[in-house]
């Protein structure tokens, strides 16, 4: 048995039915068991709307968590197939969700999903939050997402 496949995608808004369809296709084509949706642009009040939640379901046995209470509009929405593994959220902020993935007999895998702020000054709190949430050194740690920075100024669009 191998670890389930996960991915992150800066979707730039997860409100349209087309974006939901694109995500479902990506999950099917890549055999994903977790998708970390970045720049979701979803409001916290949408989480109270059963129609919205049902229409945005990506997995049959879906687990999910988000940082919509930390950031308006919502920046990070993590969705996974709960029949394959569990994800326990340990910390969230406007730029980060940090937690642990549990899969059968595998050791826990720590996961930090990033959607960083646009300015270097705002990103400083992200780095502080990561330092405050470093998992045990003998445990695997995946850090993925959009750090909103580039090596050269010319790379910006």
N, C-alpha and C. Protein backbone atom coordinates (compact mmCIF):
# COMPACT_ATOMS: atom_id res chain seq x y z
N UNK A 1 0.85 -1.19 0.00
CA UNK A 1 0.00 0.00 0.00
C UNK A 1 0.89 1.24 0.00
N UNK A 2 0.52 2.23 -0.79
CA UNK A 2 1.27 3.49 -0.83
C UNK A 2 0.43 4.61 -0.24
N UNK A 3 1.10 5.70 0.05
CA UNK A 3 0.38 6.86 0.58
C UNK A 3 -0.54 7.43 -0.49
N UNK A 4 -1.70 7.95 -0.11
CA UNK A 4 -2.63 8.54 -1.07
C UNK A 4 -2.04 9.78 -1.73
N UNK A 5 -2.50 10.05 -2.93
CA UNK A 5 -2.04 11.19 -3.70
C UNK A 5 -2.80 12.45 -3.29
N UNK A 6 -2.04 13.53 -3.06
CA UNK A 6 -2.65 14.81 -2.71
C UNK A 6 -2.10 15.89 -3.64
N UNK A 7 -2.86 16.98 -3.77
CA UNK A 7 -2.43 18.09 -4.62
C UNK A 7 -3.00 19.39 -4.06
N UNK A 8 -2.38 20.50 -4.48
CA UNK A 8 -2.95 21.81 -4.18
C UNK A 8 -3.13 22.55 -5.50
N UNK A 9 -4.12 23.43 -5.53
CA UNK A 9 -4.41 24.18 -6.75
C UNK A 9 -4.89 25.57 -6.36
N UNK A 10 -4.22 26.58 -6.89
CA UNK A 10 -4.70 27.96 -6.73
C UNK A 10 -5.76 28.16 -7.81
N UNK A 11 -7.00 28.02 -7.40
CA UNK A 11 -8.11 27.98 -8.34
C UNK A 11 -8.67 29.37 -8.62
N UNK A 12 -8.29 30.36 -7.81
CA UNK A 12 -8.72 31.76 -7.98
C UNK A 12 -10.24 31.88 -7.97
N UNK A 13 -10.84 31.27 -6.98
CA UNK A 13 -12.29 31.34 -6.81
C UNK A 13 -12.94 29.99 -7.04
N UNK A 14 -13.65 29.49 -6.03
CA UNK A 14 -14.27 28.16 -6.09
C UNK A 14 -15.79 28.27 -6.04
N UNK A 15 -16.33 29.39 -6.50
CA UNK A 15 -17.77 29.60 -6.42
C UNK A 15 -18.53 29.14 -7.67
N UNK A 16 -17.87 29.05 -8.81
CA UNK A 16 -18.58 28.71 -10.04
C UNK A 16 -18.66 27.20 -10.23
N UNK A 17 -19.77 26.72 -10.82
CA UNK A 17 -19.91 25.28 -11.09
C UNK A 17 -18.79 24.74 -11.99
N UNK A 18 -18.28 25.58 -12.90
CA UNK A 18 -17.19 25.14 -13.77
C UNK A 18 -15.95 24.77 -12.97
N UNK A 19 -15.63 25.57 -11.95
CA UNK A 19 -14.45 25.29 -11.13
C UNK A 19 -14.62 23.97 -10.37
N UNK A 20 -15.83 23.73 -9.88
CA UNK A 20 -16.11 22.47 -9.19
C UNK A 20 -15.92 21.30 -10.16
N UNK A 21 -16.42 21.44 -11.38
CA UNK A 21 -16.25 20.38 -12.40
C UNK A 21 -14.78 20.15 -12.72
N UNK A 22 -14.00 21.24 -12.85
CA UNK A 22 -12.57 21.10 -13.11
C UNK A 22 -11.89 20.33 -11.98
N UNK A 23 -12.27 20.63 -10.74
CA UNK A 23 -11.67 19.93 -9.59
C UNK A 23 -12.03 18.46 -9.61
N UNK A 24 -13.29 18.15 -9.90
CA UNK A 24 -13.71 16.74 -9.96
C UNK A 24 -12.94 15.99 -11.04
N UNK A 25 -12.73 16.64 -12.18
CA UNK A 25 -11.97 16.01 -13.27
C UNK A 25 -10.52 15.78 -12.86
N UNK A 26 -9.93 16.76 -12.21
CA UNK A 26 -8.54 16.63 -11.73
C UNK A 26 -8.42 15.46 -10.76
N UNK A 27 -9.35 15.37 -9.83
CA UNK A 27 -9.35 14.28 -8.84
C UNK A 27 -9.45 12.92 -9.54
N UNK A 28 -10.36 12.82 -10.50
CA UNK A 28 -10.54 11.56 -11.22
C UNK A 28 -9.31 11.22 -12.06
N UNK A 29 -8.82 12.19 -12.83
CA UNK A 29 -7.70 11.94 -13.74
C UNK A 29 -6.39 11.61 -13.02
N UNK A 30 -6.19 12.22 -11.85
CA UNK A 30 -4.93 12.06 -11.12
C UNK A 30 -5.06 11.12 -9.92
N UNK A 31 -6.23 10.52 -9.73
CA UNK A 31 -6.48 9.60 -8.61
C UNK A 31 -6.18 10.26 -7.27
N UNK A 32 -6.61 11.51 -7.12
CA UNK A 32 -6.33 12.25 -5.88
C UNK A 32 -7.25 11.79 -4.77
N UNK A 33 -6.72 11.82 -3.56
CA UNK A 33 -7.51 11.52 -2.36
C UNK A 33 -7.62 12.75 -1.46
N UNK A 34 -6.89 13.81 -1.81
CA UNK A 34 -7.00 15.09 -1.10
C UNK A 34 -6.69 16.20 -2.10
N UNK A 35 -7.51 17.26 -2.04
CA UNK A 35 -7.24 18.44 -2.85
C UNK A 35 -7.29 19.66 -1.93
N UNK A 36 -6.23 20.43 -1.98
CA UNK A 36 -6.12 21.66 -1.19
C UNK A 36 -6.41 22.82 -2.13
N UNK A 37 -7.56 23.44 -1.95
CA UNK A 37 -8.01 24.50 -2.84
C UNK A 37 -7.53 25.83 -2.27
N UNK A 38 -6.76 26.56 -3.07
CA UNK A 38 -6.18 27.83 -2.64
C UNK A 38 -6.89 28.98 -3.34
N UNK A 39 -6.91 30.12 -2.68
CA UNK A 39 -7.62 31.31 -3.15
C UNK A 39 -9.07 30.94 -3.45
N UNK A 40 -9.70 30.27 -2.49
CA UNK A 40 -11.06 29.77 -2.66
C UNK A 40 -12.07 30.90 -2.87
N UNK A 41 -11.86 32.02 -2.19
CA UNK A 41 -12.77 33.18 -2.27
C UNK A 41 -14.19 32.81 -1.89
N UNK A 42 -14.34 31.99 -0.88
CA UNK A 42 -15.64 31.56 -0.39
C UNK A 42 -15.87 32.23 0.96
N UNK A 43 -17.08 32.71 1.18
CA UNK A 43 -17.38 33.38 2.46
C UNK A 43 -17.72 32.34 3.52
N UNK A 44 -17.46 32.69 4.77
CA UNK A 44 -17.76 31.79 5.89
C UNK A 44 -19.25 31.47 5.95
N UNK A 45 -20.10 32.41 5.56
CA UNK A 45 -21.55 32.18 5.62
C UNK A 45 -21.99 31.08 4.65
N UNK A 46 -21.23 30.84 3.59
CA UNK A 46 -21.56 29.76 2.65
C UNK A 46 -21.51 28.40 3.31
N UNK A 47 -20.76 28.28 4.40
CA UNK A 47 -20.63 27.00 5.10
C UNK A 47 -21.92 26.62 5.82
N UNK A 48 -22.86 27.58 5.94
CA UNK A 48 -24.16 27.30 6.55
C UNK A 48 -25.22 26.94 5.51
N UNK A 49 -24.87 27.02 4.24
CA UNK A 49 -25.80 26.78 3.14
C UNK A 49 -25.65 25.34 2.65
N UNK A 50 -26.63 24.48 2.96
CA UNK A 50 -26.54 23.06 2.60
C UNK A 50 -26.46 22.86 1.09
N UNK A 51 -27.19 23.67 0.30
CA UNK A 51 -27.12 23.55 -1.15
C UNK A 51 -25.69 23.83 -1.62
N UNK A 52 -25.09 24.89 -1.11
CA UNK A 52 -23.72 25.24 -1.50
C UNK A 52 -22.76 24.10 -1.16
N UNK A 53 -22.87 23.58 0.05
CA UNK A 53 -21.98 22.49 0.47
C UNK A 53 -22.14 21.25 -0.39
N UNK A 54 -23.39 20.88 -0.69
CA UNK A 54 -23.63 19.69 -1.53
C UNK A 54 -23.11 19.90 -2.95
N UNK A 55 -23.33 21.09 -3.49
CA UNK A 55 -22.92 21.34 -4.88
C UNK A 55 -21.40 21.49 -5.02
N UNK A 56 -20.70 21.69 -3.91
CA UNK A 56 -19.24 21.84 -3.94
C UNK A 56 -18.52 20.61 -3.38
N UNK A 57 -19.26 19.53 -3.21
CA UNK A 57 -18.67 18.27 -2.72
C UNK A 57 -17.82 17.66 -3.83
N UNK A 58 -16.61 17.25 -3.47
CA UNK A 58 -15.69 16.66 -4.46
C UNK A 58 -15.51 15.16 -4.28
N UNK A 59 -15.69 14.67 -3.05
CA UNK A 59 -15.51 13.25 -2.75
C UNK A 59 -16.82 12.70 -2.19
N UNK A 60 -17.09 11.42 -2.48
CA UNK A 60 -18.31 10.81 -1.96
C UNK A 60 -18.33 10.81 -0.43
N UNK A 61 -17.22 10.42 0.18
CA UNK A 61 -17.09 10.41 1.64
C UNK A 61 -16.16 11.55 2.04
N UNK A 62 -16.67 12.76 1.94
CA UNK A 62 -15.79 13.93 2.05
C UNK A 62 -15.59 14.41 3.48
N UNK A 63 -14.33 14.65 3.79
CA UNK A 63 -13.96 15.41 4.96
C UNK A 63 -13.44 16.75 4.47
N UNK A 64 -13.56 17.78 5.28
CA UNK A 64 -13.04 19.07 4.83
C UNK A 64 -12.74 19.96 6.03
N UNK A 65 -11.87 20.92 5.79
CA UNK A 65 -11.62 21.99 6.75
C UNK A 65 -11.20 23.22 5.95
N UNK A 66 -11.31 24.38 6.57
CA UNK A 66 -10.99 25.61 5.86
C UNK A 66 -10.51 26.66 6.86
N UNK A 67 -10.06 27.78 6.32
CA UNK A 67 -9.65 28.90 7.18
C UNK A 67 -10.54 30.12 6.94
N UNK A 68 -11.81 29.88 6.63
CA UNK A 68 -12.71 30.96 6.27
C UNK A 68 -13.00 31.90 7.43
N UNK A 69 -12.89 31.43 8.66
CA UNK A 69 -13.08 32.33 9.81
C UNK A 69 -11.84 33.18 10.07
N UNK A 70 -10.70 32.75 9.54
CA UNK A 70 -9.45 33.50 9.71
C UNK A 70 -9.23 34.51 8.59
N UNK A 71 -9.92 34.35 7.49
CA UNK A 71 -9.66 35.16 6.30
C UNK A 71 -10.94 35.34 5.51
N UNK A 72 -11.26 36.58 5.19
CA UNK A 72 -12.45 36.85 4.38
C UNK A 72 -12.02 37.58 3.10
N UNK A 73 -12.36 37.07 1.92
CA UNK A 73 -12.99 35.77 1.71
C UNK A 73 -12.02 34.63 1.99
N UNK A 74 -12.57 33.43 2.11
CA UNK A 74 -11.77 32.27 2.45
C UNK A 74 -10.64 32.00 1.48
N UNK A 75 -9.50 31.63 2.02
CA UNK A 75 -8.30 31.42 1.21
C UNK A 75 -7.97 29.95 0.98
N UNK A 76 -8.16 29.10 2.00
CA UNK A 76 -7.75 27.69 1.90
C UNK A 76 -8.94 26.80 2.28
N UNK A 77 -9.22 25.83 1.42
CA UNK A 77 -10.26 24.83 1.70
C UNK A 77 -9.66 23.47 1.35
N UNK A 78 -9.48 22.63 2.35
CA UNK A 78 -8.90 21.30 2.16
C UNK A 78 -10.04 20.29 2.15
N UNK A 79 -10.06 19.43 1.12
CA UNK A 79 -11.09 18.40 0.99
C UNK A 79 -10.39 17.06 0.75
N UNK A 80 -10.89 16.01 1.39
CA UNK A 80 -10.25 14.71 1.26
C UNK A 80 -11.29 13.60 1.31
N UNK A 81 -10.89 12.44 0.83
CA UNK A 81 -11.72 11.24 0.86
C UNK A 81 -11.54 10.60 2.24
N UNK A 82 -12.54 10.76 3.09
CA UNK A 82 -12.42 10.28 4.47
C UNK A 82 -12.51 8.76 4.58
N UNK A 83 -12.85 8.08 3.49
CA UNK A 83 -12.83 6.61 3.53
C UNK A 83 -11.40 6.08 3.36
N UNK A 84 -10.47 6.95 2.97
CA UNK A 84 -9.08 6.55 2.74
C UNK A 84 -8.18 6.96 3.90
N UNK A 85 -8.37 8.17 4.41
CA UNK A 85 -7.55 8.65 5.53
C UNK A 85 -8.27 9.77 6.26
N UNK A 86 -7.67 10.19 7.36
CA UNK A 86 -8.24 11.31 8.11
C UNK A 86 -7.21 12.44 8.17
N UNK A 87 -7.72 13.64 8.31
CA UNK A 87 -6.88 14.82 8.49
C UNK A 87 -7.39 15.54 9.72
N UNK A 88 -6.49 15.79 10.66
CA UNK A 88 -6.85 16.49 11.89
C UNK A 88 -6.16 17.85 11.88
N UNK A 89 -6.97 18.90 11.80
CA UNK A 89 -6.44 20.26 11.77
C UNK A 89 -5.93 20.64 13.16
N UNK A 90 -4.67 21.06 13.23
CA UNK A 90 -4.05 21.46 14.49
C UNK A 90 -3.97 22.97 14.66
N UNK A 91 -3.89 23.70 13.53
CA UNK A 91 -3.71 25.15 13.58
C UNK A 91 -4.19 25.75 12.26
N UNK A 92 -4.77 26.95 12.35
CA UNK A 92 -5.06 27.68 11.12
C UNK A 92 -4.88 29.17 11.35
N UNK A 93 -4.55 29.85 10.27
CA UNK A 93 -4.43 31.31 10.26
C UNK A 93 -4.90 31.78 8.89
N UNK A 94 -4.77 33.05 8.61
CA UNK A 94 -5.21 33.56 7.31
C UNK A 94 -4.35 33.04 6.16
N UNK A 95 -3.16 32.51 6.45
CA UNK A 95 -2.25 32.05 5.40
C UNK A 95 -1.89 30.57 5.48
N UNK A 96 -2.43 29.84 6.45
CA UNK A 96 -1.93 28.50 6.73
C UNK A 96 -2.98 27.62 7.39
N UNK A 97 -3.03 26.37 6.95
CA UNK A 97 -3.70 25.31 7.72
C UNK A 97 -2.65 24.24 7.94
N UNK A 98 -2.48 23.85 9.20
CA UNK A 98 -1.48 22.85 9.58
C UNK A 98 -2.21 21.73 10.31
N UNK A 99 -1.88 20.49 9.95
CA UNK A 99 -2.51 19.36 10.60
C UNK A 99 -1.75 18.08 10.35
N UNK A 100 -2.40 16.97 10.67
CA UNK A 100 -1.76 15.67 10.54
C UNK A 100 -2.68 14.71 9.79
N UNK A 101 -2.09 13.98 8.84
CA UNK A 101 -2.80 12.97 8.06
C UNK A 101 -2.52 11.61 8.70
N UNK A 102 -3.59 10.83 8.89
CA UNK A 102 -3.46 9.46 9.40
C UNK A 102 -4.00 8.50 8.35
N UNK A 103 -3.15 7.53 7.97
CA UNK A 103 -3.52 6.55 6.96
C UNK A 103 -3.14 5.17 7.47
N UNK A 104 -4.13 4.39 7.83
CA UNK A 104 -3.89 3.00 8.23
C UNK A 104 -2.70 2.82 9.14
N UNK A 105 -1.78 1.93 8.73
CA UNK A 105 -0.63 1.61 9.57
C UNK A 105 0.57 2.52 9.32
N UNK A 106 0.44 3.48 8.39
CA UNK A 106 1.54 4.41 8.14
C UNK A 106 1.74 5.33 9.34
N UNK A 107 2.96 5.79 9.56
CA UNK A 107 3.16 6.80 10.60
C UNK A 107 2.46 8.09 10.19
N UNK A 108 2.10 8.94 11.14
CA UNK A 108 1.43 10.20 10.80
C UNK A 108 2.30 11.06 9.88
N UNK A 109 1.65 11.79 8.99
CA UNK A 109 2.32 12.73 8.10
C UNK A 109 1.76 14.11 8.40
N UNK A 110 2.63 15.04 8.73
CA UNK A 110 2.20 16.41 9.00
C UNK A 110 2.08 17.15 7.68
N UNK A 111 1.05 17.97 7.58
CA UNK A 111 0.79 18.72 6.36
C UNK A 111 0.54 20.17 6.70
N UNK A 112 1.26 21.06 6.02
CA UNK A 112 1.02 22.50 6.12
C UNK A 112 0.65 23.00 4.73
N UNK A 113 -0.55 23.55 4.61
CA UNK A 113 -1.03 24.08 3.34
C UNK A 113 -0.97 25.60 3.43
N UNK A 114 -0.30 26.21 2.45
CA UNK A 114 0.01 27.63 2.47
C UNK A 114 -0.72 28.35 1.34
N UNK A 115 -1.33 29.46 1.66
CA UNK A 115 -1.67 30.46 0.65
C UNK A 115 -1.22 31.79 1.24
N UNK A 116 0.00 32.17 0.88
CA UNK A 116 0.68 33.30 1.52
C UNK A 116 0.13 34.64 1.05
N UNK A 117 0.29 35.63 1.92
CA UNK A 117 -0.09 37.00 1.60
C UNK A 117 0.82 37.53 0.49
N UNK A 118 0.40 38.64 -0.10
CA UNK A 118 1.13 39.19 -1.25
C UNK A 118 2.40 39.93 -0.88
N UNK A 119 2.47 40.49 0.31
CA UNK A 119 3.65 41.29 0.66
C UNK A 119 4.57 40.54 1.61
N UNK A 120 5.84 40.86 1.51
CA UNK A 120 6.84 40.23 2.37
C UNK A 120 6.53 40.51 3.84
N UNK A 121 6.10 41.72 4.13
CA UNK A 121 5.79 42.10 5.51
C UNK A 121 4.67 41.22 6.08
N UNK A 122 3.61 41.01 5.30
CA UNK A 122 2.50 40.17 5.76
C UNK A 122 2.91 38.70 5.88
N UNK A 123 3.85 38.26 5.06
CA UNK A 123 4.29 36.86 5.09
C UNK A 123 5.12 36.53 6.33
N UNK A 124 5.64 37.52 7.01
CA UNK A 124 6.45 37.25 8.21
C UNK A 124 5.66 36.45 9.25
N UNK A 125 4.38 36.76 9.41
CA UNK A 125 3.58 36.01 10.38
C UNK A 125 3.42 34.55 9.95
N UNK A 126 3.38 34.30 8.64
CA UNK A 126 3.32 32.92 8.14
C UNK A 126 4.53 32.14 8.60
N UNK A 127 5.72 32.71 8.44
CA UNK A 127 6.95 32.02 8.84
C UNK A 127 6.98 31.80 10.35
N UNK A 128 6.49 32.77 11.11
CA UNK A 128 6.41 32.59 12.56
C UNK A 128 5.47 31.44 12.90
N UNK A 129 4.31 31.39 12.22
CA UNK A 129 3.35 30.31 12.47
C UNK A 129 3.93 28.94 12.11
N UNK A 130 4.68 28.87 11.01
CA UNK A 130 5.32 27.59 10.66
C UNK A 130 6.34 27.18 11.71
N UNK A 131 7.14 28.13 12.18
CA UNK A 131 8.13 27.82 13.22
C UNK A 131 7.46 27.34 14.51
N UNK A 132 6.30 27.93 14.82
CA UNK A 132 5.58 27.56 16.04
C UNK A 132 4.92 26.18 15.93
N UNK A 133 4.80 25.65 14.72
CA UNK A 133 4.09 24.39 14.50
C UNK A 133 4.95 23.30 13.88
N UNK A 134 6.26 23.39 14.08
CA UNK A 134 7.15 22.36 13.55
C UNK A 134 6.83 21.02 14.21
N UNK A 135 6.58 19.99 13.39
CA UNK A 135 6.29 18.68 13.98
C UNK A 135 7.57 18.04 14.53
N UNK A 136 7.43 16.92 15.23
CA UNK A 136 8.63 16.20 15.71
C UNK A 136 9.57 15.90 14.54
N UNK A 137 10.86 16.03 14.77
CA UNK A 137 11.84 15.89 13.69
C UNK A 137 11.88 14.51 13.06
N UNK A 138 11.38 13.50 13.77
CA UNK A 138 11.38 12.14 13.20
C UNK A 138 10.10 11.83 12.42
N UNK A 139 9.26 12.83 12.21
CA UNK A 139 8.01 12.63 11.49
C UNK A 139 8.06 13.34 10.13
N UNK A 140 7.47 12.74 9.08
CA UNK A 140 7.44 13.42 7.78
C UNK A 140 6.55 14.66 7.83
N UNK A 141 6.96 15.68 7.06
CA UNK A 141 6.24 16.96 7.03
C UNK A 141 6.19 17.43 5.58
N UNK A 142 4.98 17.61 5.06
CA UNK A 142 4.77 18.13 3.71
C UNK A 142 4.32 19.58 3.84
N UNK A 143 5.01 20.46 3.13
CA UNK A 143 4.62 21.87 3.06
C UNK A 143 4.31 22.15 1.60
N UNK A 144 3.07 22.56 1.31
CA UNK A 144 2.68 22.77 -0.08
C UNK A 144 1.75 23.96 -0.19
N UNK A 145 1.70 24.53 -1.39
CA UNK A 145 0.78 25.62 -1.63
C UNK A 145 1.36 26.71 -2.49
N UNK A 146 0.87 27.92 -2.28
CA UNK A 146 1.27 29.10 -3.06
C UNK A 146 1.90 30.09 -2.09
N UNK A 147 3.20 30.28 -2.24
CA UNK A 147 3.94 31.18 -1.34
C UNK A 147 3.91 32.63 -1.82
N UNK A 148 3.27 32.89 -2.96
CA UNK A 148 3.10 34.24 -3.49
C UNK A 148 4.41 35.02 -3.54
N UNK A 149 5.46 34.35 -3.93
CA UNK A 149 6.73 35.04 -4.13
C UNK A 149 7.45 34.36 -5.29
N UNK A 150 8.36 35.07 -5.87
CA UNK A 150 9.10 34.52 -7.00
C UNK A 150 10.57 34.92 -6.88
N UNK A 151 11.38 34.22 -7.60
CA UNK A 151 12.82 34.43 -7.51
C UNK A 151 13.23 35.77 -8.10
N UNK A 152 12.62 36.13 -9.22
CA UNK A 152 12.96 37.38 -9.90
C UNK A 152 11.71 38.23 -10.07
N UNK A 153 11.85 39.52 -9.94
CA UNK A 153 10.74 40.45 -10.11
C UNK A 153 10.09 40.28 -11.49
N UNK A 154 10.87 39.93 -12.50
CA UNK A 154 10.35 39.77 -13.86
C UNK A 154 9.40 38.57 -13.99
N UNK A 155 9.38 37.68 -13.00
CA UNK A 155 8.50 36.51 -13.05
C UNK A 155 7.06 36.84 -12.67
N UNK A 156 6.85 37.99 -12.06
CA UNK A 156 5.49 38.38 -11.65
C UNK A 156 4.66 38.70 -12.88
N UNK A 157 3.35 38.38 -12.78
CA UNK A 157 2.46 38.76 -13.88
C UNK A 157 1.70 39.98 -13.49
